[in-house]
Amino acid sequence: MKANIQSHVHLELDFETKSELSAVMNSIIPDNIDCPNGLVVTMSDKDNRLILDIFCTREIYVIISTVDEILSHIIMAKQVIANAGS
């Protein structure tokens, strides 16, 4: 039996422009709509900063893999934005 643990990750990521921030936010919103039970992802922005809070009441690997997936999607979105501008 795996032990569940309450965990919380707070991330603040700075972007160069508001338009880049908006594009990245729009690209990751669909990933965070239907989270499994015990996992909540909230997202907001302030100035040119993306603020993510991830709350989990499941096994610790769930929040770790969620953070990894979100950051991977952000990196991919930033690469697409950079390639579109060149």
C-alpha atoms as a PDB file:
ATOM      1  CA  MET A   1       0.000   0.000   0.000  1.00  0.00           C
ATOM      2  CA  LYS A   2       1.364   3.403  -0.987  1.00  0.00           C
ATOM      3  CA  ALA A   3       1.078   6.269   1.461  1.00  0.00           C
ATOM      4  CA  ASN A   4      -0.648   9.433   0.339  1.00  0.00           C
ATOM      5  CA  ILE A   5       0.843  12.724   1.399  1.00  0.00           C
ATOM      6  CA  GLN A   6      -0.393  16.295   1.232  1.00  0.00           C
ATOM      7  CA  SER A   7       1.952  18.344  -0.886  1.00  0.00           C
ATOM      8  CA  HIS A   8       2.000  21.789  -2.445  1.00  0.00           C
ATOM      9  CA  VAL A   9       4.273  23.254  -5.097  1.00  0.00           C
ATOM     10  CA  HIS A  10       4.292  26.977  -5.821  1.00  0.00           C
ATOM     11  CA  LEU A  11       6.012  28.108  -9.031  1.00  0.00           C
ATOM     12  CA  GLU A  12       6.566  31.617 -10.322  1.00  0.00           C
ATOM     13  CA  LEU A  13       8.003  31.899 -13.825  1.00  0.00           C
ATOM     14  CA  ASP A  14       9.012  35.207 -15.389  1.00  0.00           C
ATOM     15  CA  PHE A  15       8.433  35.935 -19.082  1.00  0.00           C
ATOM     16  CA  GLU A  16       9.937  38.635 -21.244  1.00  0.00           C
ATOM     17  CA  THR A  17       6.605  39.925 -22.546  1.00  0.00           C
ATOM     18  CA  LYS A  18       2.926  39.803 -21.655  1.00  0.00           C
ATOM     19  CA  SER A  19       2.152  38.291 -25.072  1.00  0.00           C
ATOM     20  CA  GLU A  20       4.616  35.437 -24.483  1.00  0.00           C
ATOM     21  CA  LEU A  21       3.055  34.823 -21.064  1.00  0.00           C
ATOM     22  CA  SER A  22      -0.459  34.785 -22.545  1.00  0.00           C
ATOM     23  CA  ALA A  23       0.544  32.380 -25.297  1.00  0.00           C
ATOM     24  CA  VAL A  24       2.144  29.987 -22.825  1.00  0.00           C
ATOM     25  CA  MET A  25      -0.825  30.177 -20.451  1.00  0.00           C
ATOM     26  CA  ASN A  26      -3.249  29.447 -23.292  1.00  0.00           C
ATOM     27  CA  SER A  27      -1.163  26.471 -24.352  1.00  0.00           C
ATOM     28  CA  ILE A  28      -1.176  24.809 -20.925  1.00  0.00           C
ATOM     29  CA  ILE A  29      -4.748  25.565 -19.821  1.00  0.00           C
ATOM     30  CA  PRO A  30      -6.224  22.430 -21.472  1.00  0.00           C
ATOM     31  CA  ASP A  31      -3.776  20.215 -19.570  1.00  0.00           C
ATOM     32  CA  ASN A  32      -5.004  21.474 -16.221  1.00  0.00           C
ATOM     33  CA  ILE A  33      -8.775  21.271 -16.658  1.00  0.00           C
ATOM     34  CA  ASP A  34      -9.551  17.629 -15.846  1.00  0.00           C
ATOM     35  CA  CYS A  35      -7.071  16.755 -13.125  1.00  0.00           C
ATOM     36  CA  PRO A  36      -7.478  13.405 -11.393  1.00  0.00           C
ATOM     37  CA  ASN A  37      -8.967  13.237  -7.900  1.00  0.00           C
ATOM     38  CA  GLY A  38      -6.544  14.514  -5.301  1.00  0.00           C
ATOM     39  CA  LEU A  39      -4.747  16.892  -7.666  1.00  0.00           C
ATOM     40  CA  VAL A  40      -5.565  20.587  -8.129  1.00  0.00           C
ATOM     41  CA  VAL A  41      -3.670  22.987 -10.383  1.00  0.00           C
ATOM     42  CA  THR A  42      -4.360  26.713 -10.222  1.00  0.00           C
ATOM     43  CA  MET A  43      -2.826  29.235 -12.554  1.00  0.00           C
ATOM     44  CA  SER A  44      -2.733  33.019 -12.547  1.00  0.00           C
ATOM     45  CA  ASP A  45      -0.588  35.823 -13.859  1.00  0.00           C
ATOM     46  CA  LYS A  46       0.788  39.039 -12.473  1.00  0.00           C
ATOM     47  CA  ASP A  47       2.786  41.464 -14.559  1.00  0.00           C
ATOM     48  CA  ASN A  48       4.908  39.154 -16.753  1.00  0.00           C
ATOM     49  CA  ARG A  49       4.879  36.288 -14.267  1.00  0.00           C
ATOM     50  CA  LEU A  50       3.046  32.965 -14.474  1.00  0.00           C
ATOM     51  CA  ILE A  51       2.030  31.720 -11.041  1.00  0.00           C
ATOM     52  CA  LEU A  52       1.201  28.051 -10.594  1.00  0.00           C
ATOM     53  CA  ASP A  53       0.034  26.327  -7.442  1.00  0.00           C
ATOM     54  CA  ILE A  54      -0.241  22.566  -7.454  1.00  0.00           C
ATOM     55  CA  PHE A  55      -1.927  20.810  -4.546  1.00  0.00           C
ATOM     56  CA  CYS A  56      -1.860  17.039  -4.193  1.00  0.00           C
ATOM     57  CA  THR A  57      -3.227  14.555  -1.672  1.00  0.00           C
ATOM     58  CA  ARG A  58      -1.945  11.481  -3.496  1.00  0.00           C
ATOM     59  CA  GLU A  59       1.412   9.745  -3.654  1.00  0.00           C
ATOM     60  CA  ILE A  60       4.371  12.118  -3.889  1.00  0.00           C
ATOM     61  CA  TYR A  61       5.287  10.901  -7.378  1.00  0.00           C
ATOM     62  CA  VAL A  62       1.990  12.357  -8.678  1.00  0.00           C
ATOM     63  CA  ILE A  63       2.964  15.950  -7.872  1.00  0.00           C
ATOM     64  CA  ILE A  64       6.517  15.384  -9.107  1.00  0.00           C
ATOM     65  CA  SER A  65       5.342  14.061 -12.473  1.00  0.00           C
ATOM     66  CA  THR A  66       2.747  16.852 -12.729  1.00  0.00           C
ATOM     67  CA  VAL A  67       5.377  19.558 -12.214  1.00  0.00           C
ATOM     68  CA  ASP A  68       7.647  17.832 -14.742  1.00  0.00           C
ATOM     69  CA  GLU A  69       4.856  17.641 -17.317  1.00  0.00           C
ATOM     70  CA  ILE A  70       3.813  21.281 -16.867  1.00  0.00           C
ATOM     71  CA  LEU A  71       7.400  22.523 -17.159  1.00  0.00           C
ATOM     72  CA  SER A  72       7.944  20.358 -20.262  1.00  0.00           C
ATOM     73  CA  HIS A  73       4.850  21.867 -21.888  1.00  0.00           C
ATOM     74  CA  ILE A  74       6.004  25.384 -21.024  1.00  0.00           C
ATOM     75  CA  ILE A  75       9.419  24.721 -22.574  1.00  0.00           C
ATOM     76  CA  MET A  76       7.773  23.334 -25.708  1.00  0.00           C
ATOM     77  CA  ALA A  77       5.418  26.323 -25.947  1.00  0.00           C
ATOM     78  CA  LYS A  78       8.329  28.750 -25.589  1.00  0.00           C
ATOM     79  CA  GLN A  79      10.207  26.928 -28.360  1.00  0.00           C
ATOM     80  CA  VAL A  80       7.195  27.134 -30.668  1.00  0.00           C
ATOM     81  CA  ILE A  81       6.834  30.857 -29.929  1.00  0.00           C
ATOM     82  CA  ALA A  82      10.550  31.436 -30.593  1.00  0.00           C
ATOM     83  CA  ASN A  83      10.409  29.509 -33.883  1.00  0.00           C
ATOM     84  CA  ALA A  84       7.294  31.385 -35.004  1.00  0.00           C
ATOM     85  CA  GLY A  85       9.094  34.672 -34.497  1.00  0.00           C
ATOM     86  CA  SER A  86      12.090  33.725 -36.635  1.00  0.00           C
END
